[in-house]
Amino acid sequence: MTDDKTTSTLAVTAAEAPERAKRSNYPEPFASRMAGRTKRPLGDLFGLRNFGVNLTRLAPGAQSALMHVHSRQDEFVYVLEGRPTLVTDQGEVALEPGMCAGFPADGIAHHLVNRTTSDVVYLEIGDRTKGDMATYPSDDLAAELAPDGQWSFRHKDGRPY
């Protein structure tokens, strides 16, 4: 349902929202490592501009992202189903439904990994601060958020992918 002030949806069943068409923004050889991850961009459905919300599902063996840290954007995850492992540059934490974790900008590098035989489902929330950059300590990858909201990727030595 919409009104004159917005063209966005007012309410949806999250699990029925459309999946993101593009599985990953990463260039190869990194994009294929996101196999088994499905995102439903909920915030976009409502026209949210200041932060994003995704309902994300990780199949067994899948990971949320490459281990990364943002320069300006904060991130938050809330586990709904399953038991992911939070992997950081400071160690690992086993998560379960009802647990959450937050990552301030310029904080610790992190990602979630599903090491179980069941799906993991969680909400991920992050702001959309302009001028953000992402670093990937375990991979030859760096990213910069362009003014149009698209990520551009390069090798750590500056060569583009």
Protein backbone atom coordinates (compact mmCIF):
# COMPACT_ATOMS: atom_id res chain seq x y z
CA MET A 1 0.00 0.00 0.00
CA THR A 2 1.34 3.45 -0.89
CA ASP A 3 0.32 7.07 -0.45
CA ASP A 4 1.11 10.40 -2.17
CA LYS A 5 4.26 11.01 -0.09
CA THR A 6 6.08 7.81 -0.97
CA THR A 7 6.17 5.08 -3.54
CA SER A 8 7.46 2.54 -1.06
CA THR A 9 5.68 -0.31 0.65
CA LEU A 10 4.20 0.15 4.12
CA ALA A 11 4.51 -3.45 5.37
CA VAL A 12 5.70 -6.83 4.11
CA THR A 13 6.32 -10.35 5.31
CA ALA A 14 10.12 -10.29 5.43
CA ALA A 15 10.65 -13.89 4.30
CA GLU A 16 8.51 -13.20 1.20
CA ALA A 17 10.37 -10.04 0.14
CA PRO A 18 12.22 -10.32 -3.18
CA GLU A 19 15.78 -11.61 -3.05
CA ARG A 20 18.57 -9.31 -4.15
CA ALA A 21 19.07 -10.00 -7.85
CA LYS A 22 22.86 -9.83 -7.72
CA ARG A 23 24.29 -12.34 -5.23
CA SER A 24 27.46 -10.35 -4.56
CA ASN A 25 29.06 -7.01 -5.39
CA TYR A 26 32.52 -8.52 -5.01
CA PRO A 27 34.59 -9.13 -8.13
CA GLU A 28 35.86 -12.62 -8.87
CA PRO A 29 37.55 -14.55 -7.43
CA PHE A 30 35.67 -13.34 -4.34
CA ALA A 31 32.06 -13.31 -5.57
CA SER A 32 31.90 -17.09 -5.88
CA ARG A 33 32.79 -17.37 -2.19
CA MET A 34 29.35 -15.86 -1.46
CA ALA A 35 27.55 -18.90 -2.89
CA GLY A 36 24.97 -20.04 -0.38
CA ARG A 37 24.18 -16.51 0.83
CA THR A 38 20.78 -15.00 0.03
CA LYS A 39 19.83 -11.43 0.91
CA ARG A 40 16.42 -9.82 0.96
CA PRO A 41 16.99 -6.03 1.02
CA LEU A 42 14.16 -4.98 3.30
CA GLY A 43 15.19 -1.36 3.84
CA ASP A 44 15.09 -0.65 0.12
CA LEU A 45 11.46 -1.75 -0.05
CA PHE A 46 10.56 1.15 2.23
CA GLY A 47 12.75 3.74 0.55
CA LEU A 48 15.14 3.98 3.51
CA ARG A 49 18.10 6.19 2.64
CA ASN A 50 20.09 6.51 5.87
CA PHE A 51 20.47 2.83 6.71
CA GLY A 52 19.95 -0.56 5.14
CA VAL A 53 18.31 -3.68 6.49
CA ASN A 54 18.74 -7.13 4.97
CA LEU A 55 17.16 -10.45 5.89
CA THR A 56 20.05 -12.79 5.12
CA ARG A 57 20.11 -16.58 4.88
CA LEU A 58 23.33 -18.60 4.95
CA ALA A 59 23.16 -22.19 3.75
CA PRO A 60 25.47 -24.71 5.45
CA GLY A 61 29.07 -23.79 4.65
CA ALA A 62 28.21 -20.23 3.50
CA GLN A 63 29.60 -16.97 4.81
CA SER A 64 28.08 -13.52 5.18
CA ALA A 65 30.90 -11.58 3.52
CA LEU A 66 34.65 -11.55 3.30
CA MET A 67 36.19 -10.61 6.63
CA HIS A 68 36.05 -6.82 6.53
CA VAL A 69 35.90 -3.53 8.40
CA HIS A 70 34.23 -0.28 7.29
CA SER A 71 35.89 3.11 7.71
CA ARG A 72 32.68 5.08 8.33
CA GLN A 73 29.71 2.73 8.46
CA ASP A 74 28.44 0.92 11.54
CA GLU A 75 26.94 -2.58 11.27
CA PHE A 76 24.65 -4.67 13.48
CA VAL A 77 23.43 -8.28 13.18
CA TYR A 78 20.63 -10.08 15.02
CA VAL A 79 20.38 -13.88 14.72
CA LEU A 80 16.87 -15.21 14.08
CA GLU A 81 17.57 -18.87 13.25
CA GLY A 82 20.53 -21.21 13.34
CA ARG A 83 23.94 -21.03 14.93
CA PRO A 84 26.50 -18.99 12.98
CA THR A 85 30.08 -18.43 14.07
CA LEU A 86 31.16 -14.82 14.33
CA VAL A 87 34.74 -14.76 13.07
CA THR A 88 36.78 -11.65 13.89
CA ASP A 89 40.39 -10.59 13.93
CA GLN A 90 40.16 -10.98 17.73
CA GLY A 91 38.76 -14.52 17.80
CA GLU A 92 35.50 -16.39 17.30
CA VAL A 93 32.14 -16.39 19.07
CA ALA A 94 29.40 -19.01 18.63
CA LEU A 95 26.07 -17.24 18.14
CA GLU A 96 22.53 -18.56 18.52
CA PRO A 97 19.00 -17.22 17.96
CA GLY A 98 18.35 -14.08 19.97
CA MET A 99 22.00 -13.03 20.06
CA CYS A 100 23.26 -9.89 18.36
CA ALA A 101 26.58 -8.24 17.57
CA GLY A 102 27.59 -4.73 16.55
CA PHE A 103 30.54 -3.36 14.67
CA PRO A 104 31.37 0.34 14.89
CA ALA A 105 33.20 1.98 12.01
CA ASP A 106 36.98 1.46 12.14
CA GLY A 107 36.41 -1.37 14.62
CA ILE A 108 37.34 -5.02 14.30
CA ALA A 109 37.31 -7.03 11.09
CA HIS A 110 34.45 -9.54 11.06
CA HIS A 111 32.10 -11.85 9.18
CA LEU A 112 29.69 -14.70 9.93
CA VAL A 113 30.29 -18.30 8.85
CA ASN A 114 27.74 -21.11 8.91
CA ARG A 115 29.66 -24.22 10.00
CA THR A 116 26.50 -26.18 10.78
CA THR A 117 24.24 -28.45 8.74
CA SER A 118 21.22 -26.11 9.08
CA ASP A 119 20.46 -22.71 7.55
CA VAL A 120 21.24 -19.52 9.47
CA VAL A 121 18.90 -16.52 9.18
CA TYR A 122 19.72 -13.09 10.56
CA LEU A 123 18.97 -9.41 10.16
CA GLU A 124 21.85 -7.17 9.18
CA ILE A 125 21.55 -3.44 9.63
CA GLY A 126 24.07 -0.86 8.52
CA ASP A 127 24.20 2.85 7.93
CA ARG A 128 24.88 4.38 4.54
CA THR A 129 27.46 7.01 5.43
CA LYS A 130 29.00 8.51 2.30
CA GLY A 131 32.74 8.24 1.73
CA ASP A 132 32.97 4.80 3.32
CA MET A 133 35.82 2.48 2.52
CA ALA A 134 36.13 -1.21 3.36
CA THR A 135 39.31 -3.13 4.03
CA TYR A 136 39.70 -6.90 3.89
CA PRO A 137 42.63 -8.09 6.02
CA SER A 138 42.57 -11.67 4.70
CA ASP A 139 42.21 -10.85 1.00
CA ASP A 140 43.88 -8.73 -1.70
CA LEU A 141 40.89 -6.40 -1.87
CA ALA A 142 39.95 -2.84 -0.96
CA ALA A 143 36.65 -1.08 -1.64
CA GLU A 144 35.39 2.47 -1.84
CA LEU A 145 31.79 3.63 -1.85
CA ALA A 146 31.24 5.92 -4.85
CA PRO A 147 28.92 8.94 -4.69
CA ASP A 148 26.30 6.95 -6.65
CA GLY A 149 26.17 4.36 -3.82
CA GLN A 150 28.03 1.67 -5.79
CA TRP A 151 31.16 -0.04 -4.49
CA SER A 152 34.35 0.06 -6.54
CA PHE A 153 36.93 -2.63 -5.86
CA ARG A 154 40.67 -2.69 -6.33
CA HIS A 155 43.70 -4.67 -5.32
CA LYS A 156 45.49 -3.43 -2.21
CA ASP A 157 48.24 -2.00 -4.46
CA GLY A 158 45.60 0.15 -6.22
CA ARG A 159 45.10 -1.84 -9.42
CA PRO A 160 41.38 -2.15 -10.32
CA TYR A 161 39.61 -5.49 -10.60
